Amino acid sequence: MNRFVFILIALTLSPCQIKAEIYKWVDDKGNVHFSDQRPRSPNAEQVKLKINTYQGVTVDNSIEDVGPKIIMYATDWCGYCKKARKYFKKNNITYTEYDIEKDSKAQKRFKKLGGKGLPLILIGDKKMSGFNQESFERLYPL
């Protein structure tokens, strides 16, 4: 019983969220520095990171309208690309996939589209960076 109470107290007192900040500044010699500690430099600025994850999918307008097709830019090793493939197969969704590591033309199109996260999925005039079912179904209702 005592162990249970100790674990419960430890969990209650431990931080639930870890927060990391990154700072960027340029020194007198023009060198760019990054740190997780706020520097004394008056021109230091906090870097805002936008990370695409399974929960943090972004949907934006695309510079290319692919019509009713679905196009996915991906890699073999990408876990979220695998989740998208599995979802497409399970729901009999036809799509065209381009591997940005094996196809230099696909890599150029990926960059032109502003690709930063994988997979990059095009649906109509929208692009989705990352993958999760809910975000995809908002763009492509079954």
N, C-alpha and C. Protein backbone atom coordinates (compact mmCIF):
# COMPACT_ATOMS: atom_id res chain seq x y z
N MET A 1 0.83 -1.20 0.00
CA MET A 1 0.00 0.00 0.00
C MET A 1 0.86 1.25 0.00
N ASN A 2 1.96 1.23 0.79
CA ASN A 2 2.84 2.40 0.86
C ASN A 2 3.46 2.72 -0.50
N ARG A 3 3.81 1.68 -1.27
CA ARG A 3 4.39 1.90 -2.60
C ARG A 3 3.37 2.60 -3.51
N PHE A 4 2.13 2.17 -3.42
CA PHE A 4 1.08 2.77 -4.24
C PHE A 4 0.93 4.25 -3.91
N VAL A 5 0.91 4.60 -2.64
CA VAL A 5 0.78 6.00 -2.22
C VAL A 5 1.99 6.80 -2.70
N PHE A 6 3.20 6.22 -2.58
CA PHE A 6 4.42 6.90 -3.03
C PHE A 6 4.37 7.17 -4.53
N ILE A 7 3.97 6.17 -5.31
CA ILE A 7 3.88 6.33 -6.76
C ILE A 7 2.84 7.38 -7.11
N LEU A 8 1.71 7.35 -6.46
CA LEU A 8 0.65 8.33 -6.71
C LEU A 8 1.14 9.75 -6.40
N ILE A 9 1.85 9.93 -5.30
CA ILE A 9 2.38 11.25 -4.95
C ILE A 9 3.44 11.68 -5.97
N ALA A 10 4.32 10.77 -6.36
CA ALA A 10 5.37 11.09 -7.33
C ALA A 10 4.77 11.51 -8.66
N LEU A 11 3.74 10.82 -9.10
CA LEU A 11 3.10 11.17 -10.36
C LEU A 11 2.39 12.52 -10.27
N THR A 12 1.82 12.79 -9.13
CA THR A 12 1.11 14.06 -8.94
C THR A 12 2.08 15.23 -8.93
N LEU A 13 3.24 15.06 -8.35
CA LEU A 13 4.20 16.14 -8.24
C LEU A 13 5.09 16.31 -9.47
N SER A 14 5.17 15.29 -10.31
CA SER A 14 6.04 15.39 -11.49
C SER A 14 5.40 16.27 -12.55
N PRO A 15 6.22 16.98 -13.32
CA PRO A 15 5.65 17.83 -14.37
C PRO A 15 4.99 16.99 -15.45
N CYS A 16 3.84 17.44 -15.91
CA CYS A 16 3.09 16.70 -16.93
C CYS A 16 3.56 17.05 -18.33
N GLN A 17 4.19 18.19 -18.45
CA GLN A 17 4.58 18.64 -19.77
C GLN A 17 5.98 19.21 -19.70
N ILE A 18 6.81 18.82 -20.64
CA ILE A 18 8.16 19.36 -20.71
C ILE A 18 8.16 20.46 -21.74
N LYS A 19 8.69 21.59 -21.39
CA LYS A 19 8.70 22.72 -22.30
C LYS A 19 10.14 23.06 -22.64
N ALA A 20 10.44 23.11 -23.91
CA ALA A 20 11.79 23.47 -24.35
C ALA A 20 11.70 24.73 -25.19
N GLU A 21 12.63 25.62 -24.97
CA GLU A 21 12.70 26.84 -25.76
C GLU A 21 14.05 26.87 -26.45
N ILE A 22 14.06 27.40 -27.66
CA ILE A 22 15.30 27.53 -28.42
C ILE A 22 15.46 28.99 -28.79
N TYR A 23 16.67 29.49 -28.61
CA TYR A 23 16.98 30.88 -28.91
C TYR A 23 18.03 30.96 -30.01
N LYS A 24 17.92 32.01 -30.81
CA LYS A 24 18.86 32.24 -31.91
C LYS A 24 19.37 33.67 -31.80
N TRP A 25 20.68 33.84 -32.04
CA TRP A 25 21.25 35.18 -32.05
C TRP A 25 22.50 35.19 -32.91
N VAL A 26 22.89 36.38 -33.32
CA VAL A 26 24.09 36.59 -34.11
C VAL A 26 25.08 37.38 -33.26
N ASP A 27 26.33 36.87 -33.18
CA ASP A 27 27.33 37.57 -32.37
C ASP A 27 27.97 38.71 -33.16
N ASP A 28 28.91 39.41 -32.54
CA ASP A 28 29.57 40.57 -33.15
C ASP A 28 30.33 40.22 -34.43
N LYS A 29 30.73 38.97 -34.57
CA LYS A 29 31.49 38.53 -35.75
C LYS A 29 30.57 38.02 -36.86
N GLY A 30 29.26 38.05 -36.63
CA GLY A 30 28.31 37.58 -37.63
C GLY A 30 28.00 36.10 -37.57
N ASN A 31 28.48 35.41 -36.54
CA ASN A 31 28.19 33.98 -36.38
C ASN A 31 26.81 33.78 -35.76
N VAL A 32 26.05 32.83 -36.31
CA VAL A 32 24.72 32.53 -35.80
C VAL A 32 24.84 31.44 -34.74
N HIS A 33 24.17 31.65 -33.61
CA HIS A 33 24.20 30.70 -32.51
C HIS A 33 22.78 30.27 -32.15
N PHE A 34 22.66 29.05 -31.64
CA PHE A 34 21.40 28.53 -31.12
C PHE A 34 21.66 27.96 -29.74
N SER A 35 20.68 28.10 -28.85
CA SER A 35 20.82 27.57 -27.50
C SER A 35 19.45 27.33 -26.88
N ASP A 36 19.41 26.44 -25.90
CA ASP A 36 18.17 26.24 -25.16
C ASP A 36 18.14 27.11 -23.90
N GLN A 37 19.20 27.91 -23.70
CA GLN A 37 19.28 28.86 -22.59
C GLN A 37 19.17 30.27 -23.16
N ARG A 38 18.42 31.12 -22.54
CA ARG A 38 18.28 32.51 -23.02
C ARG A 38 19.63 33.21 -22.89
N PRO A 39 20.20 33.67 -24.00
CA PRO A 39 21.51 34.33 -23.93
C PRO A 39 21.38 35.78 -23.45
N ARG A 40 22.50 36.39 -23.14
CA ARG A 40 22.50 37.79 -22.70
C ARG A 40 22.38 38.74 -23.87
N SER A 41 22.62 38.25 -25.06
CA SER A 41 22.58 39.09 -26.26
C SER A 41 21.22 39.77 -26.42
N PRO A 42 21.21 41.08 -26.63
CA PRO A 42 19.93 41.78 -26.77
C PRO A 42 19.18 41.45 -28.06
N ASN A 43 19.89 40.92 -29.07
CA ASN A 43 19.21 40.61 -30.33
C ASN A 43 18.77 39.15 -30.42
N ALA A 44 18.78 38.45 -29.31
CA ALA A 44 18.35 37.05 -29.31
C ALA A 44 16.84 36.98 -29.53
N GLU A 45 16.43 36.00 -30.31
CA GLU A 45 15.00 35.79 -30.54
C GLU A 45 14.66 34.33 -30.30
N GLN A 46 13.46 34.11 -29.79
CA GLN A 46 13.02 32.74 -29.56
C GLN A 46 12.57 32.14 -30.88
N VAL A 47 13.04 30.94 -31.15
CA VAL A 47 12.69 30.24 -32.39
C VAL A 47 11.40 29.46 -32.14
N LYS A 48 10.41 29.67 -33.00
CA LYS A 48 9.15 28.94 -32.91
C LYS A 48 9.22 27.75 -33.86
N LEU A 49 9.09 26.57 -33.32
CA LEU A 49 9.15 25.36 -34.14
C LEU A 49 7.74 24.87 -34.44
N LYS A 50 7.55 24.43 -35.66
CA LYS A 50 6.29 23.83 -36.05
C LYS A 50 6.60 22.41 -36.49
N ILE A 51 6.19 21.47 -35.70
CA ILE A 51 6.54 20.09 -35.96
C ILE A 51 5.28 19.32 -36.34
N ASN A 52 5.35 18.67 -37.49
CA ASN A 52 4.23 17.85 -37.93
C ASN A 52 4.34 16.47 -37.29
N THR A 53 3.33 16.08 -36.59
CA THR A 53 3.27 14.76 -35.99
C THR A 53 1.90 14.18 -36.30
N TYR A 54 1.65 13.01 -35.77
CA TYR A 54 0.35 12.38 -35.98
C TYR A 54 -0.75 13.27 -35.44
N GLN A 55 -0.47 13.99 -34.35
CA GLN A 55 -1.47 14.89 -33.78
C GLN A 55 -1.38 16.29 -34.40
N GLY A 56 -0.22 16.66 -34.92
CA GLY A 56 -0.01 18.02 -35.40
C GLY A 56 0.02 18.14 -36.91
N VAL A 57 -0.99 17.64 -37.58
CA VAL A 57 -1.07 17.71 -39.03
C VAL A 57 -1.46 19.12 -39.44
N THR A 58 -0.86 19.60 -40.53
CA THR A 58 -1.24 20.91 -41.05
C THR A 58 -1.90 20.75 -42.41
N VAL A 59 -2.92 21.57 -42.65
CA VAL A 59 -3.62 21.59 -43.93
C VAL A 59 -3.58 23.02 -44.44
N ASP A 60 -3.12 23.16 -45.68
CA ASP A 60 -2.99 24.48 -46.29
C ASP A 60 -3.48 24.42 -47.73
N ASN A 61 -3.61 25.60 -48.34
CA ASN A 61 -3.90 25.66 -49.76
C ASN A 61 -2.66 25.24 -50.52
N SER A 62 -2.86 24.55 -51.62
CA SER A 62 -1.75 24.10 -52.45
C SER A 62 -1.62 25.01 -53.67
N ILE A 63 -0.41 25.12 -54.19
CA ILE A 63 -0.20 25.88 -55.41
C ILE A 63 -0.62 25.07 -56.64
N GLU A 64 -0.91 23.80 -56.40
CA GLU A 64 -1.31 22.90 -57.47
C GLU A 64 -2.66 22.27 -57.13
N ASP A 65 -3.60 22.30 -58.07
CA ASP A 65 -4.90 21.65 -57.89
C ASP A 65 -4.86 20.33 -58.64
N VAL A 66 -4.93 19.23 -57.91
CA VAL A 66 -4.85 17.91 -58.54
C VAL A 66 -6.23 17.33 -58.86
N GLY A 67 -7.27 18.11 -58.65
CA GLY A 67 -8.62 17.64 -58.95
C GLY A 67 -9.04 16.54 -57.99
N PRO A 68 -9.76 15.53 -58.49
CA PRO A 68 -10.27 14.48 -57.60
C PRO A 68 -9.22 13.43 -57.21
N LYS A 69 -8.00 13.54 -57.75
CA LYS A 69 -6.95 12.57 -57.43
C LYS A 69 -6.37 12.82 -56.05
N ILE A 70 -5.71 11.80 -55.53
CA ILE A 70 -4.93 11.93 -54.30
C ILE A 70 -3.50 11.61 -54.67
N ILE A 71 -2.60 12.51 -54.32
CA ILE A 71 -1.17 12.31 -54.57
C ILE A 71 -0.45 12.40 -53.24
N MET A 72 0.44 11.43 -53.01
CA MET A 72 1.19 11.41 -51.75
C MET A 72 2.68 11.39 -52.05
N TYR A 73 3.40 12.35 -51.47
CA TYR A 73 4.86 12.38 -51.51
C TYR A 73 5.32 11.75 -50.20
N ALA A 74 6.20 10.75 -50.29
CA ALA A 74 6.52 9.96 -49.11
C ALA A 74 7.93 9.38 -49.20
N THR A 75 8.29 8.59 -48.20
CA THR A 75 9.52 7.79 -48.20
C THR A 75 9.17 6.41 -47.67
N ASP A 76 10.07 5.46 -47.87
CA ASP A 76 9.85 4.09 -47.38
C ASP A 76 9.87 4.02 -45.86
N TRP A 77 10.72 4.81 -45.23
CA TRP A 77 10.95 4.69 -43.79
C TRP A 77 9.97 5.48 -42.93
N CYS A 78 9.20 6.37 -43.52
CA CYS A 78 8.32 7.27 -42.78
C CYS A 78 7.15 6.51 -42.14
N GLY A 79 7.04 6.60 -40.82
CA GLY A 79 5.96 5.91 -40.10
C GLY A 79 4.58 6.44 -40.43
N TYR A 80 4.46 7.76 -40.62
CA TYR A 80 3.15 8.33 -40.94
C TYR A 80 2.76 8.03 -42.38
N CYS A 81 3.75 7.87 -43.25
CA CYS A 81 3.48 7.44 -44.63
C CYS A 81 2.89 6.03 -44.60
N LYS A 82 3.45 5.18 -43.74
CA LYS A 82 2.95 3.80 -43.60
C LYS A 82 1.51 3.80 -43.09
N LYS A 83 1.22 4.68 -42.14
CA LYS A 83 -0.15 4.78 -41.62
C LYS A 83 -1.11 5.22 -42.72
N ALA A 84 -0.68 6.17 -43.55
CA ALA A 84 -1.53 6.64 -44.65
C ALA A 84 -1.77 5.51 -45.65
N ARG A 85 -0.71 4.78 -46.03
CA ARG A 85 -0.86 3.65 -46.97
C ARG A 85 -1.85 2.62 -46.43
N LYS A 86 -1.69 2.29 -45.16
CA LYS A 86 -2.57 1.30 -44.52
C LYS A 86 -4.03 1.78 -44.54
N TYR A 87 -4.24 3.05 -44.22
CA TYR A 87 -5.58 3.63 -44.22
C TYR A 87 -6.17 3.61 -45.63
N PHE A 88 -5.39 4.02 -46.64
CA PHE A 88 -5.86 4.04 -48.02
C PHE A 88 -6.25 2.63 -48.46
N LYS A 89 -5.41 1.65 -48.13
CA LYS A 89 -5.69 0.26 -48.53
C LYS A 89 -6.96 -0.25 -47.85
N LYS A 90 -7.09 -0.01 -46.56
CA LYS A 90 -8.25 -0.46 -45.80
C LYS A 90 -9.55 0.12 -46.35
N ASN A 91 -9.49 1.37 -46.84
CA ASN A 91 -10.69 2.06 -47.32
C ASN A 91 -10.80 2.08 -48.85
N ASN A 92 -9.98 1.26 -49.52
CA ASN A 92 -10.00 1.17 -50.99
C ASN A 92 -9.89 2.53 -51.66
N ILE A 93 -8.98 3.35 -51.17
CA ILE A 93 -8.76 4.68 -51.72
C ILE A 93 -7.59 4.62 -52.70
N THR A 94 -7.85 5.00 -53.94
CA THR A 94 -6.82 5.01 -54.96
C THR A 94 -5.99 6.28 -54.82
N TYR A 95 -4.68 6.13 -54.91
CA TYR A 95 -3.78 7.28 -54.80
C TYR A 95 -2.52 7.01 -55.60
N THR A 96 -1.80 8.07 -55.90
CA THR A 96 -0.51 7.96 -56.58
C THR A 96 0.55 8.39 -55.59
N GLU A 97 1.59 7.57 -55.47
CA GLU A 97 2.65 7.86 -54.51
C GLU A 97 3.96 8.11 -55.24
N TYR A 98 4.68 9.14 -54.74
CA TYR A 98 6.01 9.46 -55.24
C TYR A 98 6.99 9.41 -54.08
N ASP A 99 8.07 8.66 -54.23
CA ASP A 99 9.10 8.56 -53.21
C ASP A 99 10.12 9.67 -53.45
N ILE A 100 10.20 10.61 -52.52
CA ILE A 100 11.07 11.78 -52.72
C ILE A 100 12.55 11.46 -52.56
N GLU A 101 12.88 10.27 -52.07
CA GLU A 101 14.28 9.88 -51.96
C GLU A 101 14.76 9.11 -53.20
N LYS A 102 13.84 8.47 -53.90
CA LYS A 102 14.19 7.66 -55.06
C LYS A 102 13.92 8.35 -56.39
N ASP A 103 13.15 9.43 -56.36
CA ASP A 103 12.74 10.12 -57.58
C ASP A 103 13.09 11.60 -57.46
N SER A 104 14.13 12.04 -58.18
CA SER A 104 14.59 13.43 -58.06
C SER A 104 13.54 14.42 -58.55
N LYS A 105 12.74 14.05 -59.54
CA LYS A 105 11.68 14.94 -60.02
C LYS A 105 10.61 15.11 -58.94
N ALA A 106 10.30 14.02 -58.25
CA ALA A 106 9.32 14.08 -57.16
C ALA A 106 9.85 14.95 -56.03
N GLN A 107 11.14 14.85 -55.75
CA GLN A 107 11.74 15.67 -54.70
C GLN A 107 11.65 17.16 -55.06
N LYS A 108 11.87 17.50 -56.32
CA LYS A 108 11.76 18.89 -56.76
C LYS A 108 10.32 19.39 -56.64
N ARG A 109 9.34 18.55 -57.02
CA ARG A 109 7.92 18.94 -56.89
C ARG A 109 7.56 19.12 -55.42
N PHE A 110 8.05 18.21 -54.57
CA PHE A 110 7.81 18.27 -53.13
C PHE A 110 8.30 19.62 -52.58
N LYS A 111 9.51 20.01 -52.96
CA LYS A 111 10.07 21.29 -52.50
C LYS A 111 9.30 22.47 -53.06
N LYS A 112 8.92 22.39 -54.34
CA LYS A 112 8.16 23.47 -54.97
C LYS A 112 6.81 23.67 -54.26
N LEU A 113 6.23 22.57 -53.80
CA LEU A 113 4.95 22.63 -53.08
C LEU A 113 5.12 23.13 -51.64
N GLY A 114 6.36 23.35 -51.22
CA GLY A 114 6.61 23.81 -49.85
C GLY A 114 6.61 22.67 -48.86
N GLY A 115 6.90 21.47 -49.34
CA GLY A 115 6.91 20.29 -48.48
C GLY A 115 7.95 20.38 -47.39
N LYS A 116 7.51 20.16 -46.16
CA LYS A 116 8.42 20.16 -45.02
C LYS A 116 8.22 18.93 -44.16
N GLY A 117 7.04 18.37 -44.18
CA GLY A 117 6.74 17.19 -43.38
C GLY A 117 6.26 16.06 -44.27
N LEU A 118 6.39 14.85 -43.77
CA LEU A 118 5.96 13.67 -44.52
C LEU A 118 4.83 12.97 -43.80
N PRO A 119 3.95 12.37 -44.53
CA PRO A 119 3.81 12.51 -45.97
C PRO A 119 3.23 13.87 -46.33
N LEU A 120 3.39 14.27 -47.57
CA LEU A 120 2.71 15.44 -48.11
C LEU A 120 1.64 14.89 -49.04
N ILE A 121 0.38 15.14 -48.69
CA ILE A 121 -0.74 14.58 -49.44
C ILE A 121 -1.51 15.72 -50.10
N LEU A 122 -1.71 15.60 -51.40
CA LEU A 122 -2.48 16.58 -52.17
C LEU A 122 -3.86 16.01 -52.44
N ILE A 123 -4.88 16.82 -52.17
CA ILE A 123 -6.28 16.48 -52.44
C ILE A 123 -6.93 17.73 -52.98
N GLY A 124 -7.33 17.72 -54.24
CA GLY A 124 -7.91 18.93 -54.83
C GLY A 124 -6.91 20.06 -54.79
N ASP A 125 -7.32 21.19 -54.19
CA ASP A 125 -6.41 22.34 -54.09
C ASP A 125 -5.84 22.48 -52.67
N LYS A 126 -5.86 21.39 -51.90
CA LYS A 126 -5.34 21.40 -50.53
C LYS A 126 -4.12 20.49 -50.44
N LYS A 127 -3.26 20.80 -49.46
CA LYS A 127 -2.13 19.93 -49.15
C LYS A 127 -2.12 19.68 -47.65
N MET A 128 -1.85 18.44 -47.30
CA MET A 128 -1.82 18.04 -45.91
C MET A 128 -0.42 17.52 -45.61
N SER A 129 0.24 18.13 -44.62
CA SER A 129 1.56 17.68 -44.18
C SER A 129 1.37 16.84 -42.94
N GLY A 130 1.84 15.59 -43.02
CA GLY A 130 1.61 14.64 -41.95
C GLY A 130 0.35 13.85 -42.28
N PHE A 131 -0.03 12.95 -41.39
CA PHE A 131 -1.25 12.18 -41.64
C PHE A 131 -1.91 11.80 -40.33
N ASN A 132 -3.20 12.03 -40.29
CA ASN A 132 -4.07 11.36 -39.32
C ASN A 132 -5.44 11.26 -39.97
N GLN A 133 -6.18 10.28 -39.55
CA GLN A 133 -7.45 9.93 -40.18
C GLN A 133 -8.44 11.09 -40.13
N GLU A 134 -8.56 11.75 -38.99
CA GLU A 134 -9.56 12.81 -38.86
C GLU A 134 -9.30 13.96 -39.82
N SER A 135 -8.05 14.39 -39.93
CA SER A 135 -7.71 15.48 -40.84
C SER A 135 -7.95 15.08 -42.28
N PHE A 136 -7.59 13.85 -42.62
CA PHE A 136 -7.79 13.39 -43.99
C PHE A 136 -9.27 13.33 -44.33
N GLU A 137 -10.09 12.82 -43.42
CA GLU A 137 -11.52 12.68 -43.70
C GLU A 137 -12.24 14.02 -43.78
N ARG A 138 -11.67 15.08 -43.20
CA ARG A 138 -12.25 16.41 -43.40
C ARG A 138 -12.05 16.87 -44.84
N LEU A 139 -10.93 16.46 -45.43
CA LEU A 139 -10.64 16.83 -46.82
C LEU A 139 -11.25 15.87 -47.83
N TYR A 140 -11.40 14.61 -47.43
CA TYR A 140 -11.86 13.56 -48.33
C TYR A 140 -12.85 12.67 -47.59
N PRO A 141 -14.08 13.17 -47.42
CA PRO A 141 -15.05 12.37 -46.67
C PRO A 141 -15.37 11.07 -47.39
N LEU A 142 -15.44 10.00 -46.64
CA LEU A 142 -15.73 8.67 -47.22
C LEU A 142 -17.20 8.50 -47.49
